[in-house]
Amino acid sequence: MSLIPFDTLPNDARVWCFGASRALDASATEVLVGSMRAFVAEWTAHRRDLEAGFDWWHERFLLIAVDESRAGASGCSIDALTGHLRRLGAELDLDLLDSMPVWYRAPAGDIRMVSRTEFSDLAALGEVSANTPVFDLTLTRLGDARAGSLETAAGSAWQRSLLTSD
């Protein structure tokens, strides 16, 4: 069995961050968590169990981490993960695999998802700035997420390039 508690994974664990195209209600969250629990418990790479865990952050972000000190994720195991997320997304009418949008925290505190063009347009209107909290789903180490780099100021993340027009 490869499912281990997320909070026991080391900071150097490899992490994948997926943003949900919409917030989930309690019923859909239950389906997502149950499905991920079953998948991660059986997740392997080259017939070796992956010591992995997952967490559902802010009702919007799925983080999956693997302790690669014993066995690393391979191309086939990553393909299995994305296939599972695609099927789960279809079941929940949810996209978890689109890496193109920008997720940001609006002034009221809610999390919004917009296209990169829309985020640039919001910057031009002064509705978002370098201080706007954004979610950086490009993180690769769990310790970075734990240290607060998942939610950071737009001016400190890749989204800074969207704040100015050339």
C-alpha atoms as a PDB file:
ATOM      1  CA  MET A   1       0.000   0.000   0.000  1.00  0.00           C
ATOM      2  CA  SER A   2       1.447   3.347  -0.984  1.00  0.00           C
ATOM      3  CA  LEU A   3      -0.965   5.891   0.506  1.00  0.00           C
ATOM      4  CA  ILE A   4       0.657   7.693   3.404  1.00  0.00           C
ATOM      5  CA  PRO A   5      -0.545  10.747   5.328  1.00  0.00           C
ATOM      6  CA  PHE A   6       0.241  13.883   3.350  1.00  0.00           C
ATOM      7  CA  ASP A   7       1.639  15.702   6.365  1.00  0.00           C
ATOM      8  CA  THR A   8       4.248  12.959   6.929  1.00  0.00           C
ATOM      9  CA  LEU A   9       5.810  13.326   3.481  1.00  0.00           C
ATOM     10  CA  PRO A  10       9.226  15.017   3.495  1.00  0.00           C
ATOM     11  CA  ASN A  11       9.673  18.557   2.233  1.00  0.00           C
ATOM     12  CA  ASP A  12      11.764  17.293  -0.688  1.00  0.00           C
ATOM     13  CA  ALA A  13       8.889  15.104  -1.922  1.00  0.00           C
ATOM     14  CA  ARG A  14       7.974  15.736  -5.545  1.00  0.00           C
ATOM     15  CA  VAL A  15       4.649  17.506  -5.815  1.00  0.00           C
ATOM     16  CA  TRP A  16       2.111  18.057  -8.564  1.00  0.00           C
ATOM     17  CA  CYS A  17      -0.447  20.823  -8.126  1.00  0.00           C
ATOM     18  CA  PHE A  18      -3.745  20.794  -9.984  1.00  0.00           C
ATOM     19  CA  GLY A  19      -6.306  23.575  -9.991  1.00  0.00           C
ATOM     20  CA  ALA A  20      -9.984  22.752 -10.237  1.00  0.00           C
ATOM     21  CA  SER A  21     -12.032  24.622 -12.800  1.00  0.00           C
ATOM     22  CA  ARG A  22     -14.696  25.273 -10.161  1.00  0.00           C
ATOM     23  CA  ALA A  23     -15.196  24.995  -6.433  1.00  0.00           C
ATOM     24  CA  LEU A  24     -16.696  21.716  -5.275  1.00  0.00           C
ATOM     25  CA  ASP A  25     -19.620  21.164  -2.962  1.00  0.00           C
ATOM     26  CA  ALA A  26     -19.369  18.665  -0.106  1.00  0.00           C
ATOM     27  CA  SER A  27     -20.720  15.762  -2.166  1.00  0.00           C
ATOM     28  CA  ALA A  28     -18.278  16.298  -5.055  1.00  0.00           C
ATOM     29  CA  THR A  29     -15.422  16.784  -2.586  1.00  0.00           C
ATOM     30  CA  GLU A  30     -16.277  13.446  -1.019  1.00  0.00           C
ATOM     31  CA  VAL A  31     -16.152  11.771  -4.450  1.00  0.00           C
ATOM     32  CA  LEU A  32     -12.827  13.447  -5.278  1.00  0.00           C
ATOM     33  CA  VAL A  33     -11.201  12.515  -1.977  1.00  0.00           C
ATOM     34  CA  GLY A  34     -12.469   8.931  -2.107  1.00  0.00           C
ATOM     35  CA  SER A  35     -11.318   8.491  -5.682  1.00  0.00           C
ATOM     36  CA  MET A  36      -7.881   9.918  -4.957  1.00  0.00           C
ATOM     37  CA  ARG A  37      -7.521   7.801  -1.818  1.00  0.00           C
ATOM     38  CA  ALA A  38      -8.196   4.645  -3.834  1.00  0.00           C
ATOM     39  CA  PHE A  39      -5.898   5.672  -6.683  1.00  0.00           C
ATOM     40  CA  VAL A  40      -2.933   6.730  -4.554  1.00  0.00           C
ATOM     41  CA  ALA A  41      -3.224   3.596  -2.385  1.00  0.00           C
ATOM     42  CA  GLU A  42      -2.573   1.475  -5.499  1.00  0.00           C
ATOM     43  CA  TRP A  43      -0.248   3.856  -7.405  1.00  0.00           C
ATOM     44  CA  THR A  44       2.941   2.212  -8.601  1.00  0.00           C
ATOM     45  CA  ALA A  45       5.932   2.829 -10.824  1.00  0.00           C
ATOM     46  CA  HIS A  46       7.481  -0.226 -12.457  1.00  0.00           C
ATOM     47  CA  ARG A  47       5.507  -2.452 -10.064  1.00  0.00           C
ATOM     48  CA  ARG A  48       6.926  -0.689  -7.010  1.00  0.00           C
ATOM     49  CA  ASP A  49       4.580   1.090  -4.627  1.00  0.00           C
ATOM     50  CA  LEU A  50       4.981   4.839  -4.597  1.00  0.00           C
ATOM     51  CA  GLU A  51       5.001   6.367  -1.138  1.00  0.00           C
ATOM     52  CA  ALA A  52       2.528   9.079  -1.904  1.00  0.00           C
ATOM     53  CA  GLY A  53      -0.175  11.210  -0.413  1.00  0.00           C
ATOM     54  CA  PHE A  54      -2.543  13.939  -1.483  1.00  0.00           C
ATOM     55  CA  ASP A  55      -4.389  16.884  -0.047  1.00  0.00           C
ATOM     56  CA  TRP A  56      -7.264  19.106  -1.163  1.00  0.00           C
ATOM     57  CA  TRP A  57      -6.355  22.752  -0.440  1.00  0.00           C
ATOM     58  CA  HIS A  58      -8.679  25.736  -0.331  1.00  0.00           C
ATOM     59  CA  GLU A  59     -11.531  23.701  -1.876  1.00  0.00           C
ATOM     60  CA  ARG A  60      -9.802  24.257  -5.224  1.00  0.00           C
ATOM     61  CA  PHE A  61      -6.352  22.658  -5.438  1.00  0.00           C
ATOM     62  CA  LEU A  62      -5.339  19.026  -5.503  1.00  0.00           C
ATOM     63  CA  LEU A  63      -1.765  18.425  -4.371  1.00  0.00           C
ATOM     64  CA  ILE A  64      -0.226  15.009  -4.902  1.00  0.00           C
ATOM     65  CA  ALA A  65       3.230  14.278  -3.539  1.00  0.00           C
ATOM     66  CA  VAL A  66       5.624  11.343  -3.818  1.00  0.00           C
ATOM     67  CA  ASP A  67       8.582  10.560  -1.577  1.00  0.00           C
ATOM     68  CA  GLU A  68      11.061   9.638  -4.283  1.00  0.00           C
ATOM     69  CA  SER A  69      13.745   8.444  -1.860  1.00  0.00           C
ATOM     70  CA  ARG A  70      12.400   4.885  -2.223  1.00  0.00           C
ATOM     71  CA  ALA A  71      10.806   4.886  -5.670  1.00  0.00           C
ATOM     72  CA  GLY A  72      10.314   7.716  -8.110  1.00  0.00           C
ATOM     73  CA  ALA A  73       7.357   8.382 -10.325  1.00  0.00           C
ATOM     74  CA  SER A  74       7.952   7.297 -13.907  1.00  0.00           C
ATOM     75  CA  GLY A  75       6.430   8.366 -17.198  1.00  0.00           C
ATOM     76  CA  CYS A  76       3.936   5.514 -17.032  1.00  0.00           C
ATOM     77  CA  SER A  77       2.935   6.266 -13.450  1.00  0.00           C
ATOM     78  CA  ILE A  78       2.470   9.950 -14.280  1.00  0.00           C
ATOM     79  CA  ASP A  79       0.386   8.937 -17.296  1.00  0.00           C
ATOM     80  CA  ALA A  80      -1.725   6.787 -14.964  1.00  0.00           C
ATOM     81  CA  LEU A  81      -2.229   9.789 -12.680  1.00  0.00           C
ATOM     82  CA  THR A  82      -3.291  12.101 -15.500  1.00  0.00           C
ATOM     83  CA  GLY A  83      -5.595   9.416 -16.888  1.00  0.00           C
ATOM     84  CA  HIS A  84      -7.197   9.042 -13.472  1.00  0.00           C
ATOM     85  CA  LEU A  85      -7.625  12.809 -13.138  1.00  0.00           C
ATOM     86  CA  ARG A  86      -9.173  12.982 -16.607  1.00  0.00           C
ATOM     87  CA  ARG A  87     -11.724  10.268 -15.726  1.00  0.00           C
ATOM     88  CA  LEU A  88     -12.431  11.827 -12.333  1.00  0.00           C
ATOM     89  CA  GLY A  89     -12.903  15.211 -13.980  1.00  0.00           C
ATOM     90  CA  ALA A  90     -15.385  13.743 -16.441  1.00  0.00           C
ATOM     91  CA  GLU A  91     -17.303  12.150 -13.571  1.00  0.00           C
ATOM     92  CA  LEU A  92     -17.471  15.442 -11.662  1.00  0.00           C
ATOM     93  CA  ASP A  93     -17.798  17.753 -14.704  1.00  0.00           C
ATOM     94  CA  LEU A  94     -14.537  19.342 -13.646  1.00  0.00           C
ATOM     95  CA  ASP A  95     -11.215  20.117 -15.316  1.00  0.00           C
ATOM     96  CA  LEU A  96      -8.180  19.381 -13.180  1.00  0.00           C
ATOM     97  CA  LEU A  97      -5.605  19.249 -15.967  1.00  0.00           C
ATOM     98  CA  ASP A  98      -5.770  22.678 -17.581  1.00  0.00           C
ATOM     99  CA  SER A  99      -2.559  24.486 -16.628  1.00  0.00           C
ATOM    100  CA  MET A 100      -3.252  27.602 -18.683  1.00  0.00           C
ATOM    101  CA  PRO A 101      -5.603  29.592 -16.407  1.00  0.00           C
ATOM    102  CA  VAL A 102      -4.551  31.905 -13.627  1.00  0.00           C
ATOM    103  CA  TRP A 103      -6.004  31.269 -10.188  1.00  0.00           C
ATOM    104  CA  TYR A 104      -5.993  34.296  -7.922  1.00  0.00           C
ATOM    105  CA  ARG A 105      -7.566  35.469  -4.698  1.00  0.00           C
ATOM    106  CA  ALA A 106     -10.019  38.335  -5.195  1.00  0.00           C
ATOM    107  CA  PRO A 107     -10.218  41.169  -2.633  1.00  0.00           C
ATOM    108  CA  ALA A 108     -13.268  39.523  -1.027  1.00  0.00           C
ATOM    109  CA  GLY A 109     -11.151  36.400  -0.410  1.00  0.00           C
ATOM    110  CA  ASP A 110     -12.751  34.101  -2.962  1.00  0.00           C
ATOM    111  CA  ILE A 111     -10.565  32.198  -5.425  1.00  0.00           C
ATOM    112  CA  ARG A 112     -11.155  32.968  -9.070  1.00  0.00           C
ATOM    113  CA  MET A 113      -9.923  31.359 -12.255  1.00  0.00           C
ATOM    114  CA  VAL A 114      -9.413  33.426 -15.415  1.00  0.00           C
ATOM    115  CA  SER A 115      -7.516  33.075 -18.660  1.00  0.00           C
ATOM    116  CA  ARG A 116      -4.082  34.634 -18.920  1.00  0.00           C
ATOM    117  CA  THR A 117      -5.507  37.288 -21.250  1.00  0.00           C
ATOM    118  CA  GLU A 118      -8.261  38.104 -18.763  1.00  0.00           C
ATOM    119  CA  PHE A 119      -5.685  38.418 -15.971  1.00  0.00           C
ATOM    120  CA  SER A 120      -3.658  40.843 -18.109  1.00  0.00           C
ATOM    121  CA  ASP A 121      -6.833  42.804 -18.833  1.00  0.00           C
ATOM    122  CA  LEU A 122      -7.611  42.948 -15.108  1.00  0.00           C
ATOM    123  CA  ALA A 123      -4.085  44.262 -14.505  1.00  0.00           C
ATOM    124  CA  ALA A 124      -4.565  46.970 -17.142  1.00  0.00           C
ATOM    125  CA  LEU A 125      -7.769  48.011 -15.358  1.00  0.00           C
ATOM    126  CA  GLY A 126      -5.968  48.081 -12.011  1.00  0.00           C
ATOM    127  CA  GLU A 127      -8.101  45.280 -10.586  1.00  0.00           C
ATOM    128  CA  VAL A 128      -5.078  43.019  -9.979  1.00  0.00           C
ATOM    129  CA  SER A 129      -1.513  44.051  -9.234  1.00  0.00           C
ATOM    130  CA  ALA A 130       1.864  42.711  -8.186  1.00  0.00           C
ATOM    131  CA  ASN A 131       0.397  42.351  -4.673  1.00  0.00           C
ATOM    132  CA  THR A 132      -2.581  40.229  -5.750  1.00  0.00           C
ATOM    133  CA  PRO A 133      -2.320  36.714  -4.294  1.00  0.00           C
ATOM    134  CA  VAL A 134      -2.012  34.132  -7.065  1.00  0.00           C
ATOM    135  CA  PHE A 135      -1.602  30.372  -6.993  1.00  0.00           C
ATOM    136  CA  ASP A 136       1.598  29.001  -8.505  1.00  0.00           C
ATOM    137  CA  LEU A 137       0.833  25.473  -9.655  1.00  0.00           C
ATOM    138  CA  THR A 138       4.328  25.061 -11.136  1.00  0.00           C
ATOM    139  CA  LEU A 139       5.837  24.059  -7.781  1.00  0.00           C
ATOM    140  CA  THR A 140       7.739  20.773  -7.825  1.00  0.00           C
ATOM    141  CA  ARG A 141       8.686  20.322  -4.143  1.00  0.00           C
ATOM    142  CA  LEU A 142       6.257  19.854  -1.298  1.00  0.00           C
ATOM    143  CA  GLY A 143       8.347  22.032   1.019  1.00  0.00           C
ATOM    144  CA  ASP A 144       7.755  25.017  -1.256  1.00  0.00           C
ATOM    145  CA  ALA A 145       3.992  24.566  -0.937  1.00  0.00           C
ATOM    146  CA  ARG A 146       4.279  24.201   2.824  1.00  0.00           C
ATOM    147  CA  ALA A 147       6.411  27.362   2.982  1.00  0.00           C
ATOM    148  CA  GLY A 148       3.612  29.363   1.381  1.00  0.00           C
ATOM    149  CA  SER A 149       4.818  29.464  -2.215  1.00  0.00           C
ATOM    150  CA  LEU A 150       1.610  27.942  -3.539  1.00  0.00           C
ATOM    151  CA  GLU A 151      -0.181  31.198  -2.741  1.00  0.00           C
ATOM    152  CA  THR A 152       2.106  34.150  -3.340  1.00  0.00           C
ATOM    153  CA  ALA A 153       2.048  37.697  -4.665  1.00  0.00           C
ATOM    154  CA  ALA A 154       1.686  37.915  -8.444  1.00  0.00           C
ATOM    155  CA  GLY A 155       4.844  40.017  -8.608  1.00  0.00           C
ATOM    156  CA  SER A 156       6.834  37.135  -7.123  1.00  0.00           C
ATOM    157  CA  ALA A 157       5.494  34.375  -9.364  1.00  0.00           C
ATOM    158  CA  TRP A 158       5.404  33.523 -13.039  1.00  0.00           C
ATOM    159  CA  GLN A 159       2.171  35.566 -13.330  1.00  0.00           C
ATOM    160  CA  ARG A 160       4.220  38.801 -13.053  1.00  0.00           C
ATOM    161  CA  SER A 161       4.735  38.628 -16.818  1.00  0.00           C
ATOM    162  CA  LEU A 162       0.969  39.091 -17.230  1.00  0.00           C
ATOM    163  CA  LEU A 163       0.863  42.326 -15.243  1.00  0.00           C
ATOM    164  CA  THR A 164       2.392  44.549 -17.906  1.00  0.00           C
ATOM    165  CA  SER A 165       1.719  44.830 -21.585  1.00  0.00           C
ATOM    166  CA  ASP A 166       4.581  45.047 -24.033  1.00  0.00           C
END
